[in-house]
C-alpha atoms as a PDB file:
ATOM      1  CA  MET A   1      -0.195 194.186 -38.265  1.00  0.00           C
ATOM      2  CA  LYS A   2       0.344 196.946 -35.638  1.00  0.00           C
ATOM      3  CA  GLN A   3      -0.372 194.452 -32.795  1.00  0.00           C
ATOM      4  CA  THR A   4       2.144 192.127 -34.250  1.00  0.00           C
ATOM      5  CA  LEU A   5       4.734 194.885 -34.310  1.00  0.00           C
ATOM      6  CA  LYS A   6       3.828 195.827 -30.747  1.00  0.00           C
ATOM      7  CA  TYR A   7       4.682 192.491 -29.282  1.00  0.00           C
ATOM      8  CA  TYR A   8       6.991 190.878 -31.473  1.00  0.00           C
ATOM      9  CA  GLY A   9       9.006 193.886 -32.841  1.00  0.00           C
ATOM     10  CA  PRO A  10      12.269 192.992 -31.178  1.00  0.00           C
ATOM     11  CA  ALA A  11      12.063 189.639 -32.522  1.00  0.00           C
ATOM     12  CA  ILE A  12      11.194 190.755 -36.067  1.00  0.00           C
ATOM     13  CA  LEU A  13      14.309 193.184 -35.738  1.00  0.00           C
ATOM     14  CA  TRP A  14      16.583 190.477 -34.734  1.00  0.00           C
ATOM     15  CA  ALA A  15      15.202 188.069 -37.252  1.00  0.00           C
ATOM     16  CA  LEU A  16      16.042 190.595 -40.019  1.00  0.00           C
ATOM     17  CA  PHE A  17      19.640 191.028 -38.563  1.00  0.00           C
ATOM     18  CA  ILE A  18      19.989 187.439 -38.844  1.00  0.00           C
ATOM     19  CA  LEU A  19      18.736 187.278 -42.286  1.00  0.00           C
ATOM     20  CA  ILE A  20      21.282 190.124 -43.377  1.00  0.00           C
ATOM     21  CA  ILE A  21      24.261 188.336 -41.617  1.00  0.00           C
ATOM     22  CA  CYS A  22      23.256 185.106 -43.482  1.00  0.00           C
ATOM     23  CA  ALA A  23      23.177 187.070 -46.864  1.00  0.00           C
ATOM     24  CA  VAL A  24      26.434 188.863 -46.643  1.00  0.00           C
ATOM     25  CA  PRO A  25      29.140 187.342 -48.857  1.00  0.00           C
ATOM     26  CA  PHE A  26      32.303 186.690 -46.434  1.00  0.00           C
ATOM     27  CA  SER A  27      35.373 186.599 -48.666  1.00  0.00           C
ATOM     28  CA  ALA A  28      37.838 186.811 -45.740  1.00  0.00           C
ATOM     29  CA  PRO A  29      41.276 185.287 -46.449  1.00  0.00           C
ATOM     30  CA  GLY A  30      42.157 182.059 -44.220  1.00  0.00           C
ATOM     31  CA  PRO A  31      40.250 179.157 -42.962  1.00  0.00           C
ATOM     32  CA  PRO A  32      36.512 179.192 -43.217  1.00  0.00           C
ATOM     33  CA  ASP A  33      36.257 178.923 -39.385  1.00  0.00           C
ATOM     34  CA  LEU A  34      37.420 182.376 -37.908  1.00  0.00           C
ATOM     35  CA  PHE A  35      38.554 181.351 -34.489  1.00  0.00           C
ATOM     36  CA  PHE A  36      38.115 177.507 -34.151  1.00  0.00           C
ATOM     37  CA  PRO A  37      36.409 174.610 -36.062  1.00  0.00           C
ATOM     38  CA  GLY A  38      32.781 174.977 -35.571  1.00  0.00           C
ATOM     39  CA  PHE A  39      32.524 178.750 -34.721  1.00  0.00           C
ATOM     40  CA  ASP A  40      30.050 179.238 -37.460  1.00  0.00           C
ATOM     41  CA  LYS A  41      27.594 176.554 -35.764  1.00  0.00           C
ATOM     42  CA  LEU A  42      28.200 178.340 -32.360  1.00  0.00           C
ATOM     43  CA  VAL A  43      27.179 181.564 -34.044  1.00  0.00           C
ATOM     44  CA  HIS A  44      24.078 180.042 -35.640  1.00  0.00           C
ATOM     45  CA  CYS A  45      23.142 178.509 -32.183  1.00  0.00           C
ATOM     46  CA  GLY A  46      23.617 181.954 -30.440  1.00  0.00           C
ATOM     47  CA  LEU A  47      21.752 184.000 -32.960  1.00  0.00           C
ATOM     48  CA  PHE A  48      18.769 181.547 -32.596  1.00  0.00           C
ATOM     49  CA  PHE A  49      19.006 181.378 -28.996  1.00  0.00           C
ATOM     50  CA  VAL A  50      18.468 185.044 -28.889  1.00  0.00           C
ATOM     51  CA  LEU A  51      15.750 185.187 -31.362  1.00  0.00           C
ATOM     52  CA  SER A  52      13.739 182.388 -29.475  1.00  0.00           C
ATOM     53  CA  VAL A  53      13.861 184.365 -26.221  1.00  0.00           C
ATOM     54  CA  LEU A  54      12.679 187.463 -27.926  1.00  0.00           C
ATOM     55  CA  TYR A  55       9.933 185.572 -29.727  1.00  0.00           C
ATOM     56  CA  CYS A  56       8.678 183.993 -26.496  1.00  0.00           C
ATOM     57  CA  TYR A  57       8.821 187.248 -24.710  1.00  0.00           C
ATOM     58  CA  GLY A  58       6.567 188.681 -27.458  1.00  0.00           C
ATOM     59  CA  SER A  59       4.151 185.561 -27.133  1.00  0.00           C
ATOM     60  CA  ILE A  60       4.178 186.258 -23.412  1.00  0.00           C
ATOM     61  CA  ARG A  61       3.252 189.865 -23.970  1.00  0.00           C
ATOM     62  CA  LYS A  62       0.651 188.996 -26.566  1.00  0.00           C
ATOM     63  CA  TRP A  63      -1.144 186.486 -24.558  1.00  0.00           C
ATOM     64  CA  GLN A  64      -0.804 188.613 -21.321  1.00  0.00           C
ATOM     65  CA  THR A  65       0.384 185.641 -19.274  1.00  0.00           C
ATOM     66  CA  ARG A  66       3.322 185.308 -16.789  1.00  0.00           C
ATOM     67  CA  SER A  67       4.750 182.006 -18.427  1.00  0.00           C
ATOM     68  CA  ILE A  68       4.639 180.454 -21.733  1.00  0.00           C
ATOM     69  CA  ARG A  69       2.308 177.543 -22.305  1.00  0.00           C
ATOM     70  CA  ILE A  70       3.576 174.318 -23.809  1.00  0.00           C
ATOM     71  CA  ALA A  71       1.242 174.774 -26.744  1.00  0.00           C
ATOM     72  CA  ILE A  72       2.526 178.284 -27.684  1.00  0.00           C
ATOM     73  CA  ALA A  73       6.389 176.930 -26.988  1.00  0.00           C
ATOM     74  CA  MET A  74       5.641 174.114 -29.509  1.00  0.00           C
ATOM     75  CA  LYS A  75       4.199 176.599 -32.061  1.00  0.00           C
ATOM     76  CA  ASN A  76       7.218 178.974 -31.447  1.00  0.00           C
ATOM     77  CA  THR A  77       9.615 176.105 -32.149  1.00  0.00           C
ATOM     78  CA  VAL A  78       7.934 175.213 -35.348  1.00  0.00           C
ATOM     79  CA  VAL A  79       8.038 178.892 -36.412  1.00  0.00           C
ATOM     80  CA  LEU A  80      11.763 179.369 -35.466  1.00  0.00           C
ATOM     81  CA  ILE A  81      12.912 176.059 -37.110  1.00  0.00           C
ATOM     82  CA  SER A  82      10.982 177.011 -40.318  1.00  0.00           C
ATOM     83  CA  TYR A  83      12.660 180.396 -40.298  1.00  0.00           C
ATOM     84  CA  GLY A  84      16.082 178.484 -40.016  1.00  0.00           C
ATOM     85  CA  ALA A  85      15.237 176.119 -42.885  1.00  0.00           C
ATOM     86  CA  LEU A  86      14.079 179.286 -44.780  1.00  0.00           C
ATOM     87  CA  ILE A  87      17.548 180.939 -44.432  1.00  0.00           C
ATOM     88  CA  GLU A  88      19.228 177.697 -45.314  1.00  0.00           C
ATOM     89  CA  TYR A  89      17.030 177.482 -48.447  1.00  0.00           C
ATOM     90  CA  LEU A  90      17.694 180.947 -49.512  1.00  0.00           C
ATOM     91  CA  GLN A  91      21.663 180.472 -48.900  1.00  0.00           C
ATOM     92  CA  MET A  92      21.354 177.508 -51.193  1.00  0.00           C
ATOM     93  CA  ARG A  93      19.359 178.779 -53.942  1.00  0.00           C
ATOM     94  CA  VAL A  94      19.255 182.777 -53.722  1.00  0.00           C
ATOM     95  CA  PHE A  95      22.602 183.688 -51.871  1.00  0.00           C
ATOM     96  CA  THR A  96      24.607 181.545 -53.957  1.00  0.00           C
ATOM     97  CA  TRP A  97      27.832 183.017 -52.656  1.00  0.00           C
ATOM     98  CA  ARG A  98      26.905 181.297 -49.213  1.00  0.00           C
ATOM     99  CA  SER A  99      25.998 177.668 -48.827  1.00  0.00           C
ATOM    100  CA  GLY A 100      22.930 175.884 -47.171  1.00  0.00           C
ATOM    101  CA  ASP A 101      24.088 173.355 -44.759  1.00  0.00           C
ATOM    102  CA  TRP A 102      22.183 170.892 -42.659  1.00  0.00           C
ATOM    103  CA  ASN A 103      24.373 171.427 -39.851  1.00  0.00           C
ATOM    104  CA  ASP A 104      23.642 175.130 -39.805  1.00  0.00           C
ATOM    105  CA  LEU A 105      19.946 174.250 -39.487  1.00  0.00           C
ATOM    106  CA  LEU A 106      20.773 171.736 -36.749  1.00  0.00           C
ATOM    107  CA  ALA A 107      22.582 174.455 -34.813  1.00  0.00           C
ATOM    108  CA  ASP A 108      19.543 176.848 -35.545  1.00  0.00           C
ATOM    109  CA  THR A 109      17.312 174.197 -33.997  1.00  0.00           C
ATOM    110  CA  ILE A 110      19.370 173.577 -31.063  1.00  0.00           C
ATOM    111  CA  GLY A 111      19.654 177.321 -30.275  1.00  0.00           C
ATOM    112  CA  SER A 112      15.883 177.736 -30.688  1.00  0.00           C
ATOM    113  CA  CYS A 113      15.137 174.842 -28.373  1.00  0.00           C
ATOM    114  CA  MET A 114      17.558 175.955 -25.710  1.00  0.00           C
ATOM    115  CA  GLY A 115      15.919 179.364 -25.737  1.00  0.00           C
ATOM    116  CA  ILE A 116      12.608 178.089 -25.433  1.00  0.00           C
ATOM    117  CA  PHE A 117      13.505 175.796 -22.818  1.00  0.00           C
ATOM    118  CA  GLY A 118      15.438 178.639 -20.964  1.00  0.00           C
ATOM    119  CA  VAL A 119      12.258 180.926 -21.086  1.00  0.00           C
ATOM    120  CA  LEU A 120       9.922 178.041 -19.884  1.00  0.00           C
ATOM    121  CA  LEU A 121      12.470 177.112 -17.033  1.00  0.00           C
ATOM    122  CA  THR A 122      12.779 180.760 -15.959  1.00  0.00           C
ATOM    123  CA  SER A 123       9.222 181.738 -16.203  1.00  0.00           C
ATOM    124  CA  ASN A 124       8.105 178.719 -14.369  1.00  0.00           C
ATOM    125  CA  ALA A 125      10.833 179.267 -11.619  1.00  0.00           C
ATOM    126  CA  ILE A 126       9.576 182.944 -11.244  1.00  0.00           C
ATOM    127  CA  ASN A 127       5.814 181.880 -11.009  1.00  0.00           C
ATOM    128  CA  HIS A 128       6.576 179.115  -8.548  1.00  0.00           C
ATOM    129  CA  GLU A 129       8.604 181.661  -6.253  1.00  0.00           C
ATOM    130  CA  ASN A 130       5.510 184.056  -6.495  1.00  0.00           C
ATOM    131  CA  ASN A 131       2.958 181.431  -5.435  1.00  0.00           C
END
């Protein structure tokens, strides 16, 4: 457990932040989209983008490598999408003041894939430059 916190600590803290944000009831007056239609989806995408980058960073540190392997990236993708599905399920069943939404899960998936793709692209570019 201590090793997990050592490598994945920032990702775990960010995941808890996401869970808290998704559990808080928002009862603000006005339209459900704060600034523009689809703002909620953009927030989901951005939160999971950051989570995926932090999670991949933890994986790189754990496996002591300079880049992330495709197999690890695929496992990270499954973990992140599962976490997004868990949050949507909790919003549907536990946090009844919120609503679980397939489109939110899609935004979570897109953000996760964008982050992992960004880490793959950046780490491969840095390693190619050093060789």
